Amino acid sequence: MKNAGKFIAILAAFLSAISVFAQTERFSDPNVEYSFDIPDERWKMTVKPSATNKSVELVFVDRNDGHLEVRRIASPRTTKISDVIREEEAKLQFMTGYVPGKEEPFGGKLTGAVFNFEFVRAGRPMAGRYYFLRSDDSVYILRFTGFRDKLRSIRHHTDIIGRTFEAAKS
């Protein structure tokens, strides 16, 4: 009976710890037409949207650990996501040490694709993970960059943000 009580106490502590880690914060702002979940309090907003500048940027601990820029581009629904990715990749090719990676289908509240790549900044190996999410006649690009190992370690965060990203209904 003593062991059962200890087991229940340990299980209760474990479950409460999980619920603390599972808490998310919802990002939304009246100046932009989208929202998404922020999975960890260590993500901090560094660029807040305004009526004249719709840019949103968040940083995970340090800019090199994880940096997110959210951009929206007009793109007719008939344009394939892979074509939008190729246009974006044309700009990335000029980064020092650029190495393209895989394009993978991705789905959440919006569907699209993820494009991974690597590059070098100040002699350090960096990575990018861009989510291209279709919404009517727009494509939202979630541009995550950071040190290669750090970005890989927070991939579950980037996927949560991508899966929960949604555009406001028009």
C-alpha atoms as a PDB file:
ATOM      1  CA  MET A   1       0.000   0.000   0.000  1.00  0.00           C
ATOM      2  CA  LYS A   2       2.900   2.366   0.777  1.00  0.00           C
ATOM      3  CA  ASN A   3       4.358   1.810  -2.692  1.00  0.00           C
ATOM      4  CA  ALA A   4       1.011   2.548  -4.328  1.00  0.00           C
ATOM      5  CA  GLY A   5       0.804   5.887  -2.488  1.00  0.00           C
ATOM      6  CA  LYS A   6       4.347   6.822  -3.555  1.00  0.00           C
ATOM      7  CA  PHE A   7       3.558   5.831  -7.135  1.00  0.00           C
ATOM      8  CA  ILE A   8       0.422   7.990  -7.182  1.00  0.00           C
ATOM      9  CA  ALA A   9       2.323  10.963  -5.718  1.00  0.00           C
ATOM     10  CA  ILE A  10       5.093  10.615  -8.314  1.00  0.00           C
ATOM     11  CA  LEU A  11       2.565  10.235 -11.125  1.00  0.00           C
ATOM     12  CA  ALA A  12       0.654  13.345  -9.973  1.00  0.00           C
ATOM     13  CA  ALA A  13       3.884  15.376  -9.834  1.00  0.00           C
ATOM     14  CA  PHE A  14       4.867  14.155 -13.288  1.00  0.00           C
ATOM     15  CA  LEU A  15       1.474  15.017 -14.818  1.00  0.00           C
ATOM     16  CA  SER A  16       1.465  18.492 -13.286  1.00  0.00           C
ATOM     17  CA  ALA A  17       4.977  19.096 -14.655  1.00  0.00           C
ATOM     18  CA  ILE A  18       3.800  18.071 -18.113  1.00  0.00           C
ATOM     19  CA  SER A  19       0.850  20.465 -17.970  1.00  0.00           C
ATOM     20  CA  VAL A  20       3.193  23.342 -17.064  1.00  0.00           C
ATOM     21  CA  PHE A  21       5.417  22.565 -20.063  1.00  0.00           C
ATOM     22  CA  ALA A  22       2.434  22.101 -22.381  1.00  0.00           C
ATOM     23  CA  GLN A  23       1.065  25.607 -21.811  1.00  0.00           C
ATOM     24  CA  THR A  24       1.140  27.868 -24.821  1.00  0.00           C
ATOM     25  CA  GLU A  25       0.423  31.508 -25.407  1.00  0.00           C
ATOM     26  CA  ARG A  26      -1.623  32.679 -28.391  1.00  0.00           C
ATOM     27  CA  PHE A  27      -0.113  35.412 -30.565  1.00  0.00           C
ATOM     28  CA  SER A  28      -2.578  37.746 -32.204  1.00  0.00           C
ATOM     29  CA  ASP A  29      -2.496  41.449 -32.947  1.00  0.00           C
ATOM     30  CA  PRO A  30      -5.087  43.816 -34.440  1.00  0.00           C
ATOM     31  CA  ASN A  31      -2.503  44.999 -37.004  1.00  0.00           C
ATOM     32  CA  VAL A  32      -2.118  41.573 -38.636  1.00  0.00           C
ATOM     33  CA  GLU A  33      -4.631  39.092 -40.005  1.00  0.00           C
ATOM     34  CA  TYR A  34      -3.219  35.921 -38.451  1.00  0.00           C
ATOM     35  CA  SER A  35      -2.558  34.194 -35.160  1.00  0.00           C
ATOM     36  CA  PHE A  36      -0.531  31.247 -33.856  1.00  0.00           C
ATOM     37  CA  ASP A  37       0.498  29.502 -30.653  1.00  0.00           C
ATOM     38  CA  ILE A  38       3.812  30.331 -28.993  1.00  0.00           C
ATOM     39  CA  PRO A  39       4.872  27.069 -27.319  1.00  0.00           C
ATOM     40  CA  ASP A  40       7.414  28.426 -24.837  1.00  0.00           C
ATOM     41  CA  GLU A  41       7.744  31.598 -22.781  1.00  0.00           C
ATOM     42  CA  ARG A  42      11.357  31.939 -23.962  1.00  0.00           C
ATOM     43  CA  TRP A  43      10.068  33.179 -27.340  1.00  0.00           C
ATOM     44  CA  LYS A  44      10.096  36.993 -27.148  1.00  0.00           C
ATOM     45  CA  MET A  45       8.733  39.474 -29.675  1.00  0.00           C
ATOM     46  CA  THR A  46      11.455  41.748 -31.068  1.00  0.00           C
ATOM     47  CA  VAL A  47       9.451  43.434 -33.848  1.00  0.00           C
ATOM     48  CA  LYS A  48       5.828  44.275 -33.137  1.00  0.00           C
ATOM     49  CA  PRO A  49       3.434  44.894 -36.033  1.00  0.00           C
ATOM     50  CA  SER A  50       1.967  48.348 -36.550  1.00  0.00           C
ATOM     51  CA  ALA A  51      -0.539  49.900 -38.923  1.00  0.00           C
ATOM     52  CA  THR A  52       2.285  50.811 -41.329  1.00  0.00           C
ATOM     53  CA  ASN A  53       4.659  47.864 -40.791  1.00  0.00           C
ATOM     54  CA  LYS A  54       3.071  44.403 -40.702  1.00  0.00           C
ATOM     55  CA  SER A  55       6.333  42.640 -39.799  1.00  0.00           C
ATOM     56  CA  VAL A  56       6.411  40.310 -36.815  1.00  0.00           C
ATOM     57  CA  GLU A  57       9.642  38.882 -35.428  1.00  0.00           C
ATOM     58  CA  LEU A  58      10.261  36.634 -32.444  1.00  0.00           C
ATOM     59  CA  VAL A  59      13.492  35.354 -30.928  1.00  0.00           C
ATOM     60  CA  PHE A  60      14.028  32.188 -28.916  1.00  0.00           C
ATOM     61  CA  VAL A  61      16.394  33.164 -26.048  1.00  0.00           C
ATOM     62  CA  ASP A  62      18.983  34.666 -28.443  1.00  0.00           C
ATOM     63  CA  ARG A  63      18.667  35.550 -32.138  1.00  0.00           C
ATOM     64  CA  ASN A  64      21.167  32.809 -33.016  1.00  0.00           C
ATOM     65  CA  ASP A  65      19.235  30.178 -31.045  1.00  0.00           C
ATOM     66  CA  GLY A  66      16.061  30.774 -33.016  1.00  0.00           C
ATOM     67  CA  HIS A  67      14.694  33.705 -34.976  1.00  0.00           C
ATOM     68  CA  LEU A  68      11.246  33.878 -36.595  1.00  0.00           C
ATOM     69  CA  GLU A  69      10.077  36.375 -39.205  1.00  0.00           C
ATOM     70  CA  VAL A  70       6.506  36.168 -40.468  1.00  0.00           C
ATOM     71  CA  ARG A  71       5.870  37.470 -43.976  1.00  0.00           C
ATOM     72  CA  ARG A  72       2.841  37.426 -46.259  1.00  0.00           C
ATOM     73  CA  ILE A  73       3.079  37.475 -50.026  1.00  0.00           C
ATOM     74  CA  ALA A  74       0.272  37.769 -52.541  1.00  0.00           C
ATOM     75  CA  SER A  75       0.082  34.600 -54.599  1.00  0.00           C
ATOM     76  CA  PRO A  76      -2.883  33.413 -56.648  1.00  0.00           C
ATOM     77  CA  ARG A  77      -4.316  30.113 -55.480  1.00  0.00           C
ATOM     78  CA  THR A  78      -3.355  28.629 -58.864  1.00  0.00           C
ATOM     79  CA  THR A  79       0.360  29.175 -58.117  1.00  0.00           C
ATOM     80  CA  LYS A  80       1.947  26.017 -56.745  1.00  0.00           C
ATOM     81  CA  ILE A  81       3.686  26.213 -53.369  1.00  0.00           C
ATOM     82  CA  SER A  82       6.794  24.686 -54.961  1.00  0.00           C
ATOM     83  CA  ASP A  83       6.947  27.683 -57.334  1.00  0.00           C
ATOM     84  CA  VAL A  84       6.730  30.091 -54.395  1.00  0.00           C
ATOM     85  CA  ILE A  85       9.542  28.158 -52.697  1.00  0.00           C
ATOM     86  CA  ARG A  86      11.707  28.377 -55.846  1.00  0.00           C
ATOM     87  CA  GLU A  87      11.220  32.189 -55.901  1.00  0.00           C
ATOM     88  CA  GLU A  88      12.288  32.426 -52.255  1.00  0.00           C
ATOM     89  CA  GLU A  89      15.187  30.040 -52.827  1.00  0.00           C
ATOM     90  CA  ALA A  90      16.482  32.271 -55.629  1.00  0.00           C
ATOM     91  CA  LYS A  91      17.133  34.938 -52.952  1.00  0.00           C
ATOM     92  CA  LEU A  92      18.709  32.450 -50.527  1.00  0.00           C
ATOM     93  CA  GLN A  93      21.309  31.233 -53.028  1.00  0.00           C
ATOM     94  CA  PHE A  94      23.465  34.282 -52.353  1.00  0.00           C
ATOM     95  CA  MET A  95      23.961  33.437 -48.671  1.00  0.00           C
ATOM     96  CA  THR A  96      27.485  32.366 -47.744  1.00  0.00           C
ATOM     97  CA  GLY A  97      27.802  28.579 -47.761  1.00  0.00           C
ATOM     98  CA  TYR A  98      24.196  28.077 -48.887  1.00  0.00           C
ATOM     99  CA  VAL A  99      23.215  24.396 -49.184  1.00  0.00           C
ATOM    100  CA  PRO A 100      19.605  23.640 -50.146  1.00  0.00           C
ATOM    101  CA  GLY A 101      17.765  20.918 -48.287  1.00  0.00           C
ATOM    102  CA  LYS A 102      14.507  19.093 -48.646  1.00  0.00           C
ATOM    103  CA  GLU A 103      11.085  20.427 -49.430  1.00  0.00           C
ATOM    104  CA  GLU A 104       8.470  18.538 -47.393  1.00  0.00           C
ATOM    105  CA  PRO A 105       4.678  18.728 -47.380  1.00  0.00           C
ATOM    106  CA  PHE A 106       3.312  20.273 -44.189  1.00  0.00           C
ATOM    107  CA  GLY A 107      -0.145  20.557 -42.735  1.00  0.00           C
ATOM    108  CA  GLY A 108      -1.831  22.192 -39.818  1.00  0.00           C
ATOM    109  CA  LYS A 109      -4.620  24.744 -39.767  1.00  0.00           C
ATOM    110  CA  LEU A 110      -3.162  25.809 -43.144  1.00  0.00           C
ATOM    111  CA  THR A 111      -1.422  23.487 -45.567  1.00  0.00           C
ATOM    112  CA  GLY A 112       1.738  23.989 -47.559  1.00  0.00           C
ATOM    113  CA  ALA A 113       5.341  22.918 -47.374  1.00  0.00           C
ATOM    114  CA  VAL A 114       8.521  23.284 -45.351  1.00  0.00           C
ATOM    115  CA  PHE A 115      11.874  24.073 -46.947  1.00  0.00           C
ATOM    116  CA  ASN A 116      15.109  23.410 -45.042  1.00  0.00           C
ATOM    117  CA  PHE A 117      18.551  24.763 -45.878  1.00  0.00           C
ATOM    118  CA  GLU A 118      21.948  25.485 -44.349  1.00  0.00           C
ATOM    119  CA  PHE A 119      24.315  28.427 -44.607  1.00  0.00           C
ATOM    120  CA  VAL A 120      27.247  30.019 -42.785  1.00  0.00           C
ATOM    121  CA  ARG A 121      27.211  33.260 -40.769  1.00  0.00           C
ATOM    122  CA  ALA A 122      30.397  34.593 -39.191  1.00  0.00           C
ATOM    123  CA  GLY A 123      32.040  31.208 -39.639  1.00  0.00           C
ATOM    124  CA  ARG A 124      29.273  29.364 -37.757  1.00  0.00           C
ATOM    125  CA  PRO A 125      27.003  26.699 -39.279  1.00  0.00           C
ATOM    126  CA  MET A 126      23.453  28.033 -39.491  1.00  0.00           C
ATOM    127  CA  ALA A 127      20.162  26.550 -40.661  1.00  0.00           C
ATOM    128  CA  GLY A 128      16.881  27.800 -41.999  1.00  0.00           C
ATOM    129  CA  ARG A 129      13.484  26.172 -41.836  1.00  0.00           C
ATOM    130  CA  TYR A 130      10.862  28.071 -43.824  1.00  0.00           C
ATOM    131  CA  TYR A 131       7.174  27.173 -43.641  1.00  0.00           C
ATOM    132  CA  PHE A 132       5.112  28.158 -46.712  1.00  0.00           C
ATOM    133  CA  LEU A 133       1.427  28.130 -45.759  1.00  0.00           C
ATOM    134  CA  ARG A 134      -1.371  28.771 -48.264  1.00  0.00           C
ATOM    135  CA  SER A 135      -4.388  30.924 -47.375  1.00  0.00           C
ATOM    136  CA  ASP A 136      -6.663  31.928 -50.247  1.00  0.00           C
ATOM    137  CA  ASP A 137      -4.655  34.285 -52.494  1.00  0.00           C
ATOM    138  CA  SER A 138      -1.749  34.610 -50.069  1.00  0.00           C
ATOM    139  CA  VAL A 139       1.167  32.556 -48.865  1.00  0.00           C
ATOM    140  CA  TYR A 140       2.493  33.124 -45.369  1.00  0.00           C
ATOM    141  CA  ILE A 141       6.178  32.423 -44.936  1.00  0.00           C
ATOM    142  CA  LEU A 142       7.387  31.593 -41.430  1.00  0.00           C
ATOM    143  CA  ARG A 143      11.160  32.091 -41.682  1.00  0.00           C
ATOM    144  CA  PHE A 144      13.000  30.339 -38.863  1.00  0.00           C
ATOM    145  CA  THR A 145      16.792  30.670 -38.708  1.00  0.00           C
ATOM    146  CA  GLY A 146      19.428  29.927 -36.077  1.00  0.00           C
ATOM    147  CA  PHE A 147      22.542  27.965 -35.259  1.00  0.00           C
ATOM    148  CA  ARG A 148      22.126  24.603 -36.991  1.00  0.00           C
ATOM    149  CA  ASP A 149      22.142  22.529 -33.780  1.00  0.00           C
ATOM    150  CA  LYS A 150      19.968  24.972 -31.829  1.00  0.00           C
ATOM    151  CA  LEU A 151      17.345  25.215 -34.566  1.00  0.00           C
ATOM    152  CA  ARG A 152      17.237  21.432 -34.812  1.00  0.00           C
ATOM    153  CA  SER A 153      16.692  21.190 -31.031  1.00  0.00           C
ATOM    154  CA  ILE A 154      13.633  23.493 -31.156  1.00  0.00           C
ATOM    155  CA  ARG A 155      12.072  21.925 -34.230  1.00  0.00           C
ATOM    156  CA  HIS A 156       9.071  20.841 -32.153  1.00  0.00           C
ATOM    157  CA  HIS A 157       8.517  24.555 -31.366  1.00  0.00           C
ATOM    158  CA  THR A 158       8.716  25.573 -35.027  1.00  0.00           C
ATOM    159  CA  ASP A 159       6.304  22.785 -35.961  1.00  0.00           C
ATOM    160  CA  ILE A 160       3.805  23.853 -33.270  1.00  0.00           C
ATOM    161  CA  ILE A 161       3.910  27.447 -34.516  1.00  0.00           C
ATOM    162  CA  GLY A 162       3.456  26.221 -38.102  1.00  0.00           C
ATOM    163  CA  ARG A 163       0.603  23.835 -37.238  1.00  0.00           C
ATOM    164  CA  THR A 164      -1.328  26.405 -35.207  1.00  0.00           C
ATOM    165  CA  PHE A 165      -0.797  29.299 -37.650  1.00  0.00           C
ATOM    166  CA  GLU A 166      -4.114  30.489 -39.035  1.00  0.00           C
ATOM    167  CA  ALA A 167      -5.269  33.429 -41.109  1.00  0.00           C
ATOM    168  CA  ALA A 168      -8.285  35.443 -40.028  1.00  0.00           C
ATOM    169  CA  LYS A 169     -11.451  34.768 -41.977  1.00  0.00           C
ATOM    170  CA  SER A 170     -12.228  37.500 -44.505  1.00  0.00           C
END
